[in-house]
Amino acid sequence: MTLRYPPRTMIPDLARAVVGIVVCATPAVVGEFHWILRLVLLALAGLFVAYAAQALTRRATRVELGDEGLRLGPGDRPLAWSDLSRFALAYFSVRRDGREGWMELRLAAGETQLRVDSRLEGFEELVRHAFDAARQRGLPMDPATVHNLSALGLVREVPSEPAP
């Protein structure tokens, strides 16, 4: 099964990057500023260029998911379920109330480390496969990972925190 990031997830990131590049680079190139301020503006524009490159790389990313493991491209980095040594599922929120966020799955096997976020089409299927492999290998899971697995419906009980 091939999983990809849909184009609609890339458009807002590219729009932010373009606005950032224009806002930072235009005054640096056109305006007459002290060289230090010009350097700061160009450095900020460079950060937005890197952000755009990251969005384009994410769009080019494909995950080949199978029963034996997965392969993440571009670069085709393989990760075998039988070699899985780390499994973590994190949640990042953009609001204080915890809503409107995304999840990030972090996997490791040997020297291979992979990160994918929940904007990937088929993300839950990938988490399900990785979680099954992690359970079979007896990998430890931190409380945040267990809580996030519960939010996806993969774990029925979330261990309660001990009373202080």
C-alpha atoms as a PDB file:
ATOM      1  CA  MET A   1       0.000   0.000   0.000  1.00  0.00           C
ATOM      2  CA  THR A   2       1.407   3.399  -0.979  1.00  0.00           C
ATOM      3  CA  LEU A   3       0.716   6.367   1.289  1.00  0.00           C
ATOM      4  CA  ARG A   4       1.341   9.988   0.258  1.00  0.00           C
ATOM      5  CA  TYR A   5       0.794  13.487   1.495  1.00  0.00           C
ATOM      6  CA  PRO A   6      -2.105  15.022  -0.451  1.00  0.00           C
ATOM      7  CA  PRO A   7      -1.456  18.267  -2.364  1.00  0.00           C
ATOM      8  CA  ARG A   8      -3.965  20.170  -0.222  1.00  0.00           C
ATOM      9  CA  THR A   9      -1.650  19.788   2.786  1.00  0.00           C
ATOM     10  CA  MET A  10       1.212  21.457   0.932  1.00  0.00           C
ATOM     11  CA  ILE A  11      -0.635  24.545  -0.333  1.00  0.00           C
ATOM     12  CA  PRO A  12      -0.946  26.417   3.024  1.00  0.00           C
ATOM     13  CA  ASP A  13       2.716  25.719   3.846  1.00  0.00           C
ATOM     14  CA  LEU A  14       3.879  26.963   0.445  1.00  0.00           C
ATOM     15  CA  ALA A  15       1.673  30.053   0.736  1.00  0.00           C
ATOM     16  CA  ARG A  16       3.204  30.882   4.132  1.00  0.00           C
ATOM     17  CA  ALA A  17       6.689  30.344   2.725  1.00  0.00           C
ATOM     18  CA  VAL A  18       6.082  32.608  -0.282  1.00  0.00           C
ATOM     19  CA  VAL A  19       4.656  35.384   1.903  1.00  0.00           C
ATOM     20  CA  GLY A  20       7.624  35.076   4.273  1.00  0.00           C
ATOM     21  CA  ILE A  21      10.132  35.194   1.432  1.00  0.00           C
ATOM     22  CA  VAL A  22       8.487  38.239  -0.143  1.00  0.00           C
ATOM     23  CA  VAL A  23       8.105  40.104   3.161  1.00  0.00           C
ATOM     24  CA  CYS A  24      11.732  39.473   4.154  1.00  0.00           C
ATOM     25  CA  ALA A  25      13.614  39.486   0.850  1.00  0.00           C
ATOM     26  CA  THR A  26      11.910  42.444  -0.855  1.00  0.00           C
ATOM     27  CA  PRO A  27      12.950  45.093   1.699  1.00  0.00           C
ATOM     28  CA  ALA A  28      16.413  43.524   1.986  1.00  0.00           C
ATOM     29  CA  VAL A  29      16.989  43.792  -1.752  1.00  0.00           C
ATOM     30  CA  VAL A  30      15.124  47.020  -2.553  1.00  0.00           C
ATOM     31  CA  GLY A  31      15.449  49.050   0.642  1.00  0.00           C
ATOM     32  CA  GLU A  32      18.436  50.951   1.894  1.00  0.00           C
ATOM     33  CA  PHE A  33      19.185  49.432   5.280  1.00  0.00           C
ATOM     34  CA  HIS A  34      22.217  48.995   7.436  1.00  0.00           C
ATOM     35  CA  TRP A  35      24.076  45.865   6.329  1.00  0.00           C
ATOM     36  CA  ILE A  36      23.259  44.075   9.599  1.00  0.00           C
ATOM     37  CA  LEU A  37      19.504  44.541   9.143  1.00  0.00           C
ATOM     38  CA  ARG A  38      19.826  43.493   5.493  1.00  0.00           C
ATOM     39  CA  LEU A  39      21.665  40.342   6.623  1.00  0.00           C
ATOM     40  CA  VAL A  40      18.970  39.547   9.201  1.00  0.00           C
ATOM     41  CA  LEU A  41      16.207  39.965   6.611  1.00  0.00           C
ATOM     42  CA  LEU A  42      18.038  37.746   4.111  1.00  0.00           C
ATOM     43  CA  ALA A  43      18.619  35.123   6.811  1.00  0.00           C
ATOM     44  CA  LEU A  44      14.894  35.124   7.598  1.00  0.00           C
ATOM     45  CA  ALA A  45      14.111  34.805   3.889  1.00  0.00           C
ATOM     46  CA  GLY A  46      16.493  31.826   3.819  1.00  0.00           C
ATOM     47  CA  LEU A  47      14.528  30.188   6.630  1.00  0.00           C
ATOM     48  CA  PHE A  48      11.335  30.577   4.605  1.00  0.00           C
ATOM     49  CA  VAL A  49      13.089  29.047   1.575  1.00  0.00           C
ATOM     50  CA  ALA A  50      14.030  26.061   3.769  1.00  0.00           C
ATOM     51  CA  TYR A  51      10.408  25.836   4.956  1.00  0.00           C
ATOM     52  CA  ALA A  52       9.221  25.750   1.327  1.00  0.00           C
ATOM     53  CA  ALA A  53      11.776  23.051   0.506  1.00  0.00           C
ATOM     54  CA  GLN A  54      10.519  20.989   3.439  1.00  0.00           C
ATOM     55  CA  ALA A  55       6.922  21.293   2.171  1.00  0.00           C
ATOM     56  CA  LEU A  56       7.966  20.205  -1.322  1.00  0.00           C
ATOM     57  CA  THR A  57       9.959  17.274   0.079  1.00  0.00           C
ATOM     58  CA  ARG A  58       6.943  16.204   2.138  1.00  0.00           C
ATOM     59  CA  ARG A  59       4.824  16.247  -1.020  1.00  0.00           C
ATOM     60  CA  ALA A  60       7.387  14.040  -2.797  1.00  0.00           C
ATOM     61  CA  THR A  61       7.423  11.613   0.135  1.00  0.00           C
ATOM     62  CA  ARG A  62       5.802   8.250  -0.346  1.00  0.00           C
ATOM     63  CA  VAL A  63       5.489   5.463   2.172  1.00  0.00           C
ATOM     64  CA  GLU A  64       5.340   1.888   0.907  1.00  0.00           C
ATOM     65  CA  LEU A  65       3.591   0.013   3.714  1.00  0.00           C
ATOM     66  CA  GLY A  66       3.716  -3.763   3.896  1.00  0.00           C
ATOM     67  CA  ASP A  67       3.486  -6.686   6.297  1.00  0.00           C
ATOM     68  CA  GLU A  68       7.282  -6.928   6.571  1.00  0.00           C
ATOM     69  CA  GLY A  69       7.891  -3.217   7.125  1.00  0.00           C
ATOM     70  CA  LEU A  70       7.867   0.049   5.287  1.00  0.00           C
ATOM     71  CA  ARG A  71       9.981   2.023   2.871  1.00  0.00           C
ATOM     72  CA  LEU A  72      10.049   5.812   3.005  1.00  0.00           C
ATOM     73  CA  GLY A  73      11.045   7.815  -0.057  1.00  0.00           C
ATOM     74  CA  PRO A  74      12.478   9.853  -1.620  1.00  0.00           C
ATOM     75  CA  GLY A  75      15.625   8.014  -0.666  1.00  0.00           C
ATOM     76  CA  ASP A  76      13.813   4.704  -0.103  1.00  0.00           C
ATOM     77  CA  ARG A  77      14.892   4.224   3.493  1.00  0.00           C
ATOM     78  CA  PRO A  78      13.678   0.750   4.565  1.00  0.00           C
ATOM     79  CA  LEU A  79      12.459  -0.114   8.037  1.00  0.00           C
ATOM     80  CA  ALA A  80      11.643  -3.738   8.872  1.00  0.00           C
ATOM     81  CA  TRP A  81       9.017  -4.368  11.535  1.00  0.00           C
ATOM     82  CA  SER A  82      11.213  -7.177  12.900  1.00  0.00           C
ATOM     83  CA  ASP A  83      13.986  -4.618  13.607  1.00  0.00           C
ATOM     84  CA  LEU A  84      11.745  -1.949  15.155  1.00  0.00           C
ATOM     85  CA  SER A  85      13.474  -0.487  18.226  1.00  0.00           C
ATOM     86  CA  ARG A  86      11.505   2.712  18.884  1.00  0.00           C
ATOM     87  CA  PHE A  87       7.838   3.605  18.622  1.00  0.00           C
ATOM     88  CA  ALA A  88       6.483   6.973  19.746  1.00  0.00           C
ATOM     89  CA  LEU A  89       3.312   8.831  18.851  1.00  0.00           C
ATOM     90  CA  ALA A  90       3.295  12.523  19.766  1.00  0.00           C
ATOM     91  CA  TYR A  91       0.545  15.113  19.529  1.00  0.00           C
ATOM     92  CA  PHE A  92       1.242  18.779  18.859  1.00  0.00           C
ATOM     93  CA  SER A  93      -1.457  21.369  19.387  1.00  0.00           C
ATOM     94  CA  VAL A  94      -1.629  24.878  18.017  1.00  0.00           C
ATOM     95  CA  ARG A  95      -4.120  25.956  20.679  1.00  0.00           C
ATOM     96  CA  ARG A  96      -4.022  25.930  24.460  1.00  0.00           C
ATOM     97  CA  ASP A  97      -7.199  23.889  24.686  1.00  0.00           C
ATOM     98  CA  GLY A  98      -5.500  21.024  22.802  1.00  0.00           C
ATOM     99  CA  ARG A  99      -7.610  21.217  19.658  1.00  0.00           C
ATOM    100  CA  GLU A 100      -6.449  21.726  16.095  1.00  0.00           C
ATOM    101  CA  GLY A 101      -3.199  19.859  16.165  1.00  0.00           C
ATOM    102  CA  TRP A 102      -1.428  16.997  14.461  1.00  0.00           C
ATOM    103  CA  MET A 103       0.216  13.738  15.400  1.00  0.00           C
ATOM    104  CA  GLU A 104       3.727  12.642  14.579  1.00  0.00           C
ATOM    105  CA  LEU A 105       4.816   9.009  14.450  1.00  0.00           C
ATOM    106  CA  ARG A 106       8.479   8.374  15.207  1.00  0.00           C
ATOM    107  CA  LEU A 107       9.967   5.007  14.371  1.00  0.00           C
ATOM    108  CA  ALA A 108      13.488   3.640  14.571  1.00  0.00           C
ATOM    109  CA  ALA A 109      15.126   0.392  13.544  1.00  0.00           C
ATOM    110  CA  GLY A 110      18.891   0.219  13.765  1.00  0.00           C
ATOM    111  CA  GLU A 111      20.354   3.319  12.138  1.00  0.00           C
ATOM    112  CA  THR A 112      17.083   4.155  10.339  1.00  0.00           C
ATOM    113  CA  GLN A 113      14.882   6.769  11.980  1.00  0.00           C
ATOM    114  CA  LEU A 114      11.616   7.895  10.401  1.00  0.00           C
ATOM    115  CA  ARG A 115       9.085  10.603  11.214  1.00  0.00           C
ATOM    116  CA  VAL A 116       5.730  11.065   9.532  1.00  0.00           C
ATOM    117  CA  ASP A 117       2.871  13.304  10.533  1.00  0.00           C
ATOM    118  CA  SER A 118      -0.862  12.773  10.532  1.00  0.00           C
ATOM    119  CA  ARG A 119      -1.391  14.719   7.309  1.00  0.00           C
ATOM    120  CA  LEU A 120      -0.205  11.581   5.492  1.00  0.00           C
ATOM    121  CA  GLU A 121      -3.153   9.836   3.830  1.00  0.00           C
ATOM    122  CA  GLY A 122      -3.492   6.476   5.562  1.00  0.00           C
ATOM    123  CA  PHE A 123      -1.666   7.671   8.692  1.00  0.00           C
ATOM    124  CA  GLU A 124      -3.895   5.650  11.026  1.00  0.00           C
ATOM    125  CA  GLU A 125      -3.232   2.470   9.041  1.00  0.00           C
ATOM    126  CA  LEU A 126       0.499   3.107   9.323  1.00  0.00           C
ATOM    127  CA  VAL A 127       0.189   3.690  13.087  1.00  0.00           C
ATOM    128  CA  ARG A 128      -1.821   0.461  13.392  1.00  0.00           C
ATOM    129  CA  HIS A 129       0.888  -1.572  11.612  1.00  0.00           C
ATOM    130  CA  ALA A 130       3.682   0.055  13.615  1.00  0.00           C
ATOM    131  CA  PHE A 131       1.800  -0.388  16.907  1.00  0.00           C
ATOM    132  CA  ASP A 132       1.267  -4.091  16.191  1.00  0.00           C
ATOM    133  CA  ALA A 133       4.982  -4.489  15.472  1.00  0.00           C
ATOM    134  CA  ALA A 134       5.913  -2.555  18.626  1.00  0.00           C
ATOM    135  CA  ARG A 135       3.667  -4.772  20.758  1.00  0.00           C
ATOM    136  CA  GLN A 136       5.102  -7.945  19.214  1.00  0.00           C
ATOM    137  CA  ARG A 137       8.614  -6.699  19.982  1.00  0.00           C
ATOM    138  CA  GLY A 138       7.619  -5.637  23.510  1.00  0.00           C
ATOM    139  CA  LEU A 139       8.765  -2.051  23.052  1.00  0.00           C
ATOM    140  CA  PRO A 140       8.136   0.326  25.965  1.00  0.00           C
ATOM    141  CA  MET A 141       5.670   3.163  25.360  1.00  0.00           C
ATOM    142  CA  ASP A 142       5.576   6.429  27.239  1.00  0.00           C
ATOM    143  CA  PRO A 143       2.266   7.655  28.718  1.00  0.00           C
ATOM    144  CA  ALA A 144       1.850  10.288  25.968  1.00  0.00           C
ATOM    145  CA  THR A 145       2.125   7.604  23.281  1.00  0.00           C
ATOM    146  CA  VAL A 146      -0.440   5.423  25.067  1.00  0.00           C
ATOM    147  CA  HIS A 147      -2.794   8.402  25.416  1.00  0.00           C
ATOM    148  CA  ASN A 148      -2.437   9.249  21.717  1.00  0.00           C
ATOM    149  CA  LEU A 149      -3.032   5.614  20.740  1.00  0.00           C
ATOM    150  CA  SER A 150      -6.190   5.760  22.835  1.00  0.00           C
ATOM    151  CA  ALA A 151      -7.302   8.888  20.966  1.00  0.00           C
ATOM    152  CA  LEU A 152      -6.948   6.906  17.726  1.00  0.00           C
ATOM    153  CA  GLY A 153      -8.945   4.025  19.221  1.00  0.00           C
ATOM    154  CA  LEU A 154      -6.052   1.557  19.191  1.00  0.00           C
ATOM    155  CA  VAL A 155      -5.811   1.207  22.984  1.00  0.00           C
ATOM    156  CA  ARG A 156      -8.920   0.770  25.083  1.00  0.00           C
ATOM    157  CA  GLU A 157      -7.591   1.751  28.502  1.00  0.00           C
ATOM    158  CA  VAL A 158      -5.364   4.662  29.274  1.00  0.00           C
ATOM    159  CA  PRO A 159      -3.496   4.008  32.529  1.00  0.00           C
ATOM    160  CA  SER A 160      -4.506   6.559  35.134  1.00  0.00           C
ATOM    161  CA  GLU A 161      -1.895   8.756  36.749  1.00  0.00           C
ATOM    162  CA  PRO A 162      -1.116   7.828  40.346  1.00  0.00           C
ATOM    163  CA  ALA A 163      -2.608  10.213  42.896  1.00  0.00           C
ATOM    164  CA  PRO A 164      -0.090  12.633  44.467  1.00  0.00           C
END
